[in-house]
Amino acid sequence: MASDQSTPPKVHPEIQTFPDKEKILKTATYVFSAVVLILVFVMREVNLPIDWDVSFLPGVNALLNAITAIALLFSLYYVKVGQFVRHRNANAVALGLSVIFLLCYVAYHFTTPEVLFGDADRDGVLTEVERAAVSGTRPWYLVILISHITLAGILLPFILLTTVRAITGNWILHRKMARWVWPLWFYVAVTGPVVYLMLSAYYP
């Protein structure tokens, strides 16, 4: 029986342990990523009328991102000390929370007008007076927001592909991808709550 300390089998980078499974999972990754990307582009142009109050979702999303960041830290720690089962479980938690976040994020933005940083009267319009009032902090907010959204959109398929490499036993490619995917994923998870805190004063 394999222990938690066991080392993943060494596999040549060109040899897939489960090639058929990897092909199916990679196809699913590309389809899922494309659907999410389309939804993100469309959601700003659509405002679906609903009777539910979804004003709590931004706070939930920030919490999901924060817990994801914690799970990623545990994932890094466990792989460093060779506890690969716990490493896998921590990654599963992070990935699961990220999927829930995506659902909540899309649901919120499909049903709620965009909140603008600096919109003190919450009328959906940023006047010159309001813009001037946050002129010192708005550039920082935009840098964090744009980097967060851009990286989140670009990174999604790579997070899933890194997971696919592990599921199919392609450990060498899994490690190579994880070395740069993990810090970017962690950055996205951390900056999510930061964006929420900076914007929280302007929510209705």
C-alpha atoms as a PDB file:
ATOM      1  CA  MET A   1       0.000   0.000   0.000  1.00  0.00           C
ATOM      2  CA  ALA A   2       1.438   3.382  -1.021  1.00  0.00           C
ATOM      3  CA  SER A   3       2.218   5.813   1.796  1.00  0.00           C
ATOM      4  CA  ASP A   4       1.636   9.552   1.860  1.00  0.00           C
ATOM      5  CA  GLN A   5       5.402  10.034   1.588  1.00  0.00           C
ATOM      6  CA  SER A   6       5.778   8.037  -1.634  1.00  0.00           C
ATOM      7  CA  THR A   7       7.409   9.757  -4.586  1.00  0.00           C
ATOM      8  CA  PRO A   8       5.409  10.026  -7.824  1.00  0.00           C
ATOM      9  CA  PRO A   9       6.690   7.567 -10.429  1.00  0.00           C
ATOM     10  CA  LYS A  10       9.325   8.952 -12.771  1.00  0.00           C
ATOM     11  CA  VAL A  11       7.866   9.112 -16.268  1.00  0.00           C
ATOM     12  CA  HIS A  12       9.643  10.190 -19.423  1.00  0.00           C
ATOM     13  CA  PRO A  13       8.134  13.502 -20.603  1.00  0.00           C
ATOM     14  CA  GLU A  14       7.026  11.971 -23.892  1.00  0.00           C
ATOM     15  CA  ILE A  15       5.405   8.912 -22.288  1.00  0.00           C
ATOM     16  CA  GLN A  16       1.832   9.307 -21.089  1.00  0.00           C
ATOM     17  CA  THR A  17       0.673   6.846 -18.471  1.00  0.00           C
ATOM     18  CA  PHE A  18      -2.950   7.202 -19.642  1.00  0.00           C
ATOM     19  CA  PRO A  19      -2.798   8.722 -23.154  1.00  0.00           C
ATOM     20  CA  ASP A  20      -6.483   8.167 -23.961  1.00  0.00           C
ATOM     21  CA  LYS A  21      -7.581   9.736 -20.694  1.00  0.00           C
ATOM     22  CA  GLU A  22      -5.214  12.661 -21.237  1.00  0.00           C
ATOM     23  CA  LYS A  23      -6.613  13.335 -24.703  1.00  0.00           C
ATOM     24  CA  ILE A  24     -10.182  13.396 -23.382  1.00  0.00           C
ATOM     25  CA  LEU A  25      -9.284  15.596 -20.408  1.00  0.00           C
ATOM     26  CA  LYS A  26      -7.309  18.039 -22.564  1.00  0.00           C
ATOM     27  CA  THR A  27     -10.257  18.376 -24.940  1.00  0.00           C
ATOM     28  CA  ALA A  28     -12.570  18.986 -21.978  1.00  0.00           C
ATOM     29  CA  THR A  29     -10.106  21.594 -20.676  1.00  0.00           C
ATOM     30  CA  TYR A  30     -10.108  23.532 -23.941  1.00  0.00           C
ATOM     31  CA  VAL A  31     -13.901  23.410 -24.261  1.00  0.00           C
ATOM     32  CA  PHE A  32     -14.477  24.473 -20.645  1.00  0.00           C
ATOM     33  CA  SER A  33     -11.929  27.299 -20.906  1.00  0.00           C
ATOM     34  CA  ALA A  34     -13.500  28.554 -24.143  1.00  0.00           C
ATOM     35  CA  VAL A  35     -16.990  28.545 -22.609  1.00  0.00           C
ATOM     36  CA  VAL A  36     -15.778  30.460 -19.544  1.00  0.00           C
ATOM     37  CA  LEU A  37     -13.956  32.985 -21.736  1.00  0.00           C
ATOM     38  CA  ILE A  38     -17.080  33.589 -23.827  1.00  0.00           C
ATOM     39  CA  LEU A  39     -19.205  34.020 -20.703  1.00  0.00           C
ATOM     40  CA  VAL A  40     -16.744  36.541 -19.241  1.00  0.00           C
ATOM     41  CA  PHE A  41     -16.781  38.590 -22.453  1.00  0.00           C
ATOM     42  CA  VAL A  42     -20.573  38.491 -22.744  1.00  0.00           C
ATOM     43  CA  MET A  43     -21.551  39.050 -19.111  1.00  0.00           C
ATOM     44  CA  ARG A  44     -20.687  42.772 -19.130  1.00  0.00           C
ATOM     45  CA  GLU A  45     -23.177  43.321 -21.953  1.00  0.00           C
ATOM     46  CA  VAL A  46     -26.037  41.395 -20.363  1.00  0.00           C
ATOM     47  CA  ASN A  47     -28.151  42.207 -17.328  1.00  0.00           C
ATOM     48  CA  LEU A  48     -30.554  39.377 -16.570  1.00  0.00           C
ATOM     49  CA  PRO A  49     -33.493  40.405 -14.367  1.00  0.00           C
ATOM     50  CA  ILE A  50     -33.885  38.135 -11.338  1.00  0.00           C
ATOM     51  CA  ASP A  51     -35.830  38.295  -8.091  1.00  0.00           C
ATOM     52  CA  TRP A  52     -32.929  37.061  -5.948  1.00  0.00           C
ATOM     53  CA  ASP A  53     -30.634  39.318  -3.988  1.00  0.00           C
ATOM     54  CA  VAL A  54     -27.093  38.459  -5.111  1.00  0.00           C
ATOM     55  CA  SER A  55     -25.382  41.410  -3.436  1.00  0.00           C
ATOM     56  CA  PHE A  56     -23.622  38.975  -1.099  1.00  0.00           C
ATOM     57  CA  LEU A  57     -21.737  37.252  -3.916  1.00  0.00           C
ATOM     58  CA  PRO A  58     -18.730  39.634  -4.131  1.00  0.00           C
ATOM     59  CA  GLY A  59     -17.967  38.912  -0.471  1.00  0.00           C
ATOM     60  CA  VAL A  60     -18.384  35.188  -1.074  1.00  0.00           C
ATOM     61  CA  ASN A  61     -16.067  35.401  -4.083  1.00  0.00           C
ATOM     62  CA  ALA A  62     -13.417  37.191  -2.023  1.00  0.00           C
ATOM     63  CA  LEU A  63     -13.674  34.512   0.667  1.00  0.00           C
ATOM     64  CA  LEU A  64     -13.396  31.733  -1.926  1.00  0.00           C
ATOM     65  CA  ASN A  65     -10.270  33.361  -3.342  1.00  0.00           C
ATOM     66  CA  ALA A  66      -8.744  33.754   0.120  1.00  0.00           C
ATOM     67  CA  ILE A  67      -9.337  30.097   1.018  1.00  0.00           C
ATOM     68  CA  THR A  68      -7.964  29.095  -2.390  1.00  0.00           C
ATOM     69  CA  ALA A  69      -4.755  31.000  -1.614  1.00  0.00           C
ATOM     70  CA  ILE A  70      -4.473  29.173   1.724  1.00  0.00           C
ATOM     71  CA  ALA A  71      -5.048  25.817   0.015  1.00  0.00           C
ATOM     72  CA  LEU A  72      -2.312  26.648  -2.500  1.00  0.00           C
ATOM     73  CA  LEU A  73       0.106  27.417   0.339  1.00  0.00           C
ATOM     74  CA  PHE A  74      -0.664  24.019   1.869  1.00  0.00           C
ATOM     75  CA  SER A  75      -0.201  22.450  -1.567  1.00  0.00           C
ATOM     76  CA  LEU A  76       3.252  24.006  -1.883  1.00  0.00           C
ATOM     77  CA  TYR A  77       4.248  22.976   1.628  1.00  0.00           C
ATOM     78  CA  TYR A  78       3.114  19.377   1.181  1.00  0.00           C
ATOM     79  CA  VAL A  79       4.951  18.904  -2.105  1.00  0.00           C
ATOM     80  CA  LYS A  80       8.109  20.385  -0.558  1.00  0.00           C
ATOM     81  CA  VAL A  81       8.032  17.835   2.272  1.00  0.00           C
ATOM     82  CA  GLY A  82       7.089  14.947  -0.002  1.00  0.00           C
ATOM     83  CA  GLN A  83       3.512  14.435   1.224  1.00  0.00           C
ATOM     84  CA  PHE A  84       2.065  13.964  -2.233  1.00  0.00           C
ATOM     85  CA  VAL A  85      -1.387  12.699  -1.253  1.00  0.00           C
ATOM     86  CA  ARG A  86      -1.975  15.783   0.883  1.00  0.00           C
ATOM     87  CA  HIS A  87      -0.504  17.903  -1.916  1.00  0.00           C
ATOM     88  CA  ARG A  88      -3.054  16.411  -4.294  1.00  0.00           C
ATOM     89  CA  ASN A  89      -5.890  16.973  -1.827  1.00  0.00           C
ATOM     90  CA  ALA A  90      -4.908  20.616  -1.262  1.00  0.00           C
ATOM     91  CA  ASN A  91      -4.848  21.174  -5.015  1.00  0.00           C
ATOM     92  CA  ALA A  92      -8.262  19.526  -5.329  1.00  0.00           C
ATOM     93  CA  VAL A  93      -9.637  21.938  -2.723  1.00  0.00           C
ATOM     94  CA  ALA A  94      -8.088  24.925  -4.526  1.00  0.00           C
ATOM     95  CA  LEU A  95      -9.450  23.785  -7.888  1.00  0.00           C
ATOM     96  CA  GLY A  96     -12.907  23.038  -6.511  1.00  0.00           C
ATOM     97  CA  LEU A  97     -13.126  26.438  -4.832  1.00  0.00           C
ATOM     98  CA  SER A  98     -11.987  28.106  -8.053  1.00  0.00           C
ATOM     99  CA  VAL A  99     -14.784  26.406 -10.005  1.00  0.00           C
ATOM    100  CA  ILE A 100     -17.343  27.552  -7.407  1.00  0.00           C
ATOM    101  CA  PHE A 101     -15.853  31.046  -7.643  1.00  0.00           C
ATOM    102  CA  LEU A 102     -16.267  31.065 -11.430  1.00  0.00           C
ATOM    103  CA  LEU A 103     -19.929  30.096 -11.128  1.00  0.00           C
ATOM    104  CA  CYS A 104     -20.599  32.797  -8.516  1.00  0.00           C
ATOM    105  CA  TYR A 105     -18.586  35.391 -10.452  1.00  0.00           C
ATOM    106  CA  VAL A 106     -20.429  34.816 -13.714  1.00  0.00           C
ATOM    107  CA  ALA A 107     -23.817  34.659 -11.950  1.00  0.00           C
ATOM    108  CA  TYR A 108     -23.174  37.991 -10.223  1.00  0.00           C
ATOM    109  CA  HIS A 109     -21.983  39.867 -13.299  1.00  0.00           C
ATOM    110  CA  PHE A 110     -24.795  38.515 -15.487  1.00  0.00           C
ATOM    111  CA  THR A 111     -27.369  39.917 -13.070  1.00  0.00           C
ATOM    112  CA  THR A 112     -25.793  43.033 -11.548  1.00  0.00           C
ATOM    113  CA  PRO A 113     -24.510  46.294 -13.067  1.00  0.00           C
ATOM    114  CA  GLU A 114     -20.772  46.871 -12.821  1.00  0.00           C
ATOM    115  CA  VAL A 115     -19.524  48.650  -9.692  1.00  0.00           C
ATOM    116  CA  LEU A 116     -17.060  51.459 -10.453  1.00  0.00           C
ATOM    117  CA  PHE A 117     -14.132  52.329  -8.207  1.00  0.00           C
ATOM    118  CA  GLY A 118     -14.654  55.857  -6.902  1.00  0.00           C
ATOM    119  CA  ASP A 119     -18.390  55.974  -7.647  1.00  0.00           C
ATOM    120  CA  ALA A 120     -19.267  57.559  -4.296  1.00  0.00           C
ATOM    121  CA  ASP A 121     -22.957  58.137  -5.048  1.00  0.00           C
ATOM    122  CA  ARG A 122     -23.294  54.641  -6.555  1.00  0.00           C
ATOM    123  CA  ASP A 123     -25.167  55.848  -9.630  1.00  0.00           C
ATOM    124  CA  GLY A 124     -23.060  53.848 -12.080  1.00  0.00           C
ATOM    125  CA  VAL A 125     -21.359  56.957 -13.470  1.00  0.00           C
ATOM    126  CA  LEU A 126     -17.860  58.106 -12.516  1.00  0.00           C
ATOM    127  CA  THR A 127     -17.860  61.910 -12.637  1.00  0.00           C
ATOM    128  CA  GLU A 128     -14.751  64.066 -12.890  1.00  0.00           C
ATOM    129  CA  VAL A 129     -15.173  65.063  -9.242  1.00  0.00           C
ATOM    130  CA  GLU A 130     -15.370  61.426  -8.154  1.00  0.00           C
ATOM    131  CA  ARG A 131     -12.426  60.512 -10.374  1.00  0.00           C
ATOM    132  CA  ALA A 132     -10.343  63.324  -8.872  1.00  0.00           C
ATOM    133  CA  ALA A 133     -11.194  62.182  -5.338  1.00  0.00           C
ATOM    134  CA  VAL A 134      -9.560  58.786  -5.961  1.00  0.00           C
ATOM    135  CA  SER A 135      -6.823  59.954  -8.336  1.00  0.00           C
ATOM    136  CA  GLY A 136      -4.128  58.727  -5.960  1.00  0.00           C
ATOM    137  CA  THR A 137      -5.481  55.212  -5.423  1.00  0.00           C
ATOM    138  CA  ARG A 138      -7.314  54.535  -8.700  1.00  0.00           C
ATOM    139  CA  PRO A 139      -4.131  53.768 -10.720  1.00  0.00           C
ATOM    140  CA  TRP A 140      -3.114  51.159  -8.122  1.00  0.00           C
ATOM    141  CA  TYR A 141      -6.604  49.691  -8.177  1.00  0.00           C
ATOM    142  CA  LEU A 142      -6.577  49.444 -11.969  1.00  0.00           C
ATOM    143  CA  VAL A 143      -3.134  47.797 -12.024  1.00  0.00           C
ATOM    144  CA  ILE A 144      -4.243  45.169  -9.518  1.00  0.00           C
ATOM    145  CA  LEU A 145      -7.637  44.674 -11.187  1.00  0.00           C
ATOM    146  CA  ILE A 146      -6.332  44.402 -14.753  1.00  0.00           C
ATOM    147  CA  SER A 147      -3.487  42.054 -13.790  1.00  0.00           C
ATOM    148  CA  HIS A 148      -5.924  39.941 -11.749  1.00  0.00           C
ATOM    149  CA  ILE A 149      -8.504  39.627 -14.539  1.00  0.00           C
ATOM    150  CA  THR A 150      -5.940  39.144 -17.319  1.00  0.00           C
ATOM    151  CA  LEU A 151      -3.983  36.461 -15.489  1.00  0.00           C
ATOM    152  CA  ALA A 152      -7.163  34.700 -14.357  1.00  0.00           C
ATOM    153  CA  GLY A 153      -8.403  34.485 -17.944  1.00  0.00           C
ATOM    154  CA  ILE A 154      -5.089  33.358 -19.411  1.00  0.00           C
ATOM    155  CA  LEU A 155      -4.232  30.987 -16.581  1.00  0.00           C
ATOM    156  CA  LEU A 156      -7.422  28.914 -16.429  1.00  0.00           C
ATOM    157  CA  PRO A 157      -6.533  26.376 -19.154  1.00  0.00           C
ATOM    158  CA  PHE A 158      -2.989  26.044 -17.808  1.00  0.00           C
ATOM    159  CA  ILE A 159      -4.255  25.316 -14.288  1.00  0.00           C
ATOM    160  CA  LEU A 160      -6.485  22.618 -15.728  1.00  0.00           C
ATOM    161  CA  LEU A 161      -3.717  21.217 -17.949  1.00  0.00           C
ATOM    162  CA  THR A 162      -1.343  21.044 -14.981  1.00  0.00           C
ATOM    163  CA  THR A 163      -4.019  19.054 -13.163  1.00  0.00           C
ATOM    164  CA  VAL A 164      -4.506  16.804 -16.184  1.00  0.00           C
ATOM    165  CA  ARG A 165      -0.758  16.049 -16.220  1.00  0.00           C
ATOM    166  CA  ALA A 166      -1.011  14.849 -12.619  1.00  0.00           C
ATOM    167  CA  ILE A 167      -4.188  12.820 -13.164  1.00  0.00           C
ATOM    168  CA  THR A 168      -2.649  11.008 -16.137  1.00  0.00           C
ATOM    169  CA  GLY A 169       0.688  10.401 -14.418  1.00  0.00           C
ATOM    170  CA  ASN A 170       2.758  12.723 -16.598  1.00  0.00           C
ATOM    171  CA  TRP A 171       4.778  13.906 -13.606  1.00  0.00           C
ATOM    172  CA  ILE A 172       7.670  15.585 -15.413  1.00  0.00           C
ATOM    173  CA  LEU A 173       5.423  17.904 -17.430  1.00  0.00           C
ATOM    174  CA  HIS A 174       3.244  18.387 -14.346  1.00  0.00           C
ATOM    175  CA  ARG A 175       6.253  19.638 -12.369  1.00  0.00           C
ATOM    176  CA  LYS A 176       7.472  21.863 -15.210  1.00  0.00           C
ATOM    177  CA  MET A 177       4.096  23.542 -15.555  1.00  0.00           C
ATOM    178  CA  ALA A 178       3.458  23.796 -11.821  1.00  0.00           C
ATOM    179  CA  ARG A 179       6.689  25.764 -11.276  1.00  0.00           C
ATOM    180  CA  TRP A 180       5.208  28.791 -13.075  1.00  0.00           C
ATOM    181  CA  VAL A 181       1.476  28.083 -12.833  1.00  0.00           C
ATOM    182  CA  TRP A 182       1.485  27.946  -9.014  1.00  0.00           C
ATOM    183  CA  PRO A 183       2.874  31.474  -8.346  1.00  0.00           C
ATOM    184  CA  LEU A 184       0.549  33.029 -10.933  1.00  0.00           C
ATOM    185  CA  TRP A 185      -2.451  31.144  -9.560  1.00  0.00           C
ATOM    186  CA  PHE A 186      -1.496  32.247  -6.045  1.00  0.00           C
ATOM    187  CA  TYR A 187      -1.233  35.861  -7.230  1.00  0.00           C
ATOM    188  CA  VAL A 188      -4.713  35.685  -8.764  1.00  0.00           C
ATOM    189  CA  ALA A 189      -6.138  34.159  -5.574  1.00  0.00           C
ATOM    190  CA  VAL A 190      -4.546  36.818  -3.343  1.00  0.00           C
ATOM    191  CA  THR A 191      -5.426  39.826  -5.493  1.00  0.00           C
ATOM    192  CA  GLY A 192      -9.088  38.776  -5.650  1.00  0.00           C
ATOM    193  CA  PRO A 193      -9.772  39.756  -2.006  1.00  0.00           C
ATOM    194  CA  VAL A 194      -7.595  42.861  -2.444  1.00  0.00           C
ATOM    195  CA  VAL A 195      -9.780  44.048  -5.344  1.00  0.00           C
ATOM    196  CA  TYR A 196     -12.903  43.344  -3.291  1.00  0.00           C
ATOM    197  CA  LEU A 197     -11.626  45.303  -0.280  1.00  0.00           C
ATOM    198  CA  MET A 198     -10.649  48.268  -2.453  1.00  0.00           C
ATOM    199  CA  LEU A 199     -14.056  48.240  -4.161  1.00  0.00           C
ATOM    200  CA  SER A 200     -16.176  47.404  -1.098  1.00  0.00           C
ATOM    201  CA  ALA A 201     -16.921  51.049  -0.240  1.00  0.00           C
ATOM    202  CA  TYR A 202     -18.725  51.478  -3.566  1.00  0.00           C
ATOM    203  CA  TYR A 203     -21.053  48.480  -3.515  1.00  0.00           C
ATOM    204  CA  PRO A 204     -24.756  49.393  -3.189  1.00  0.00           C
END
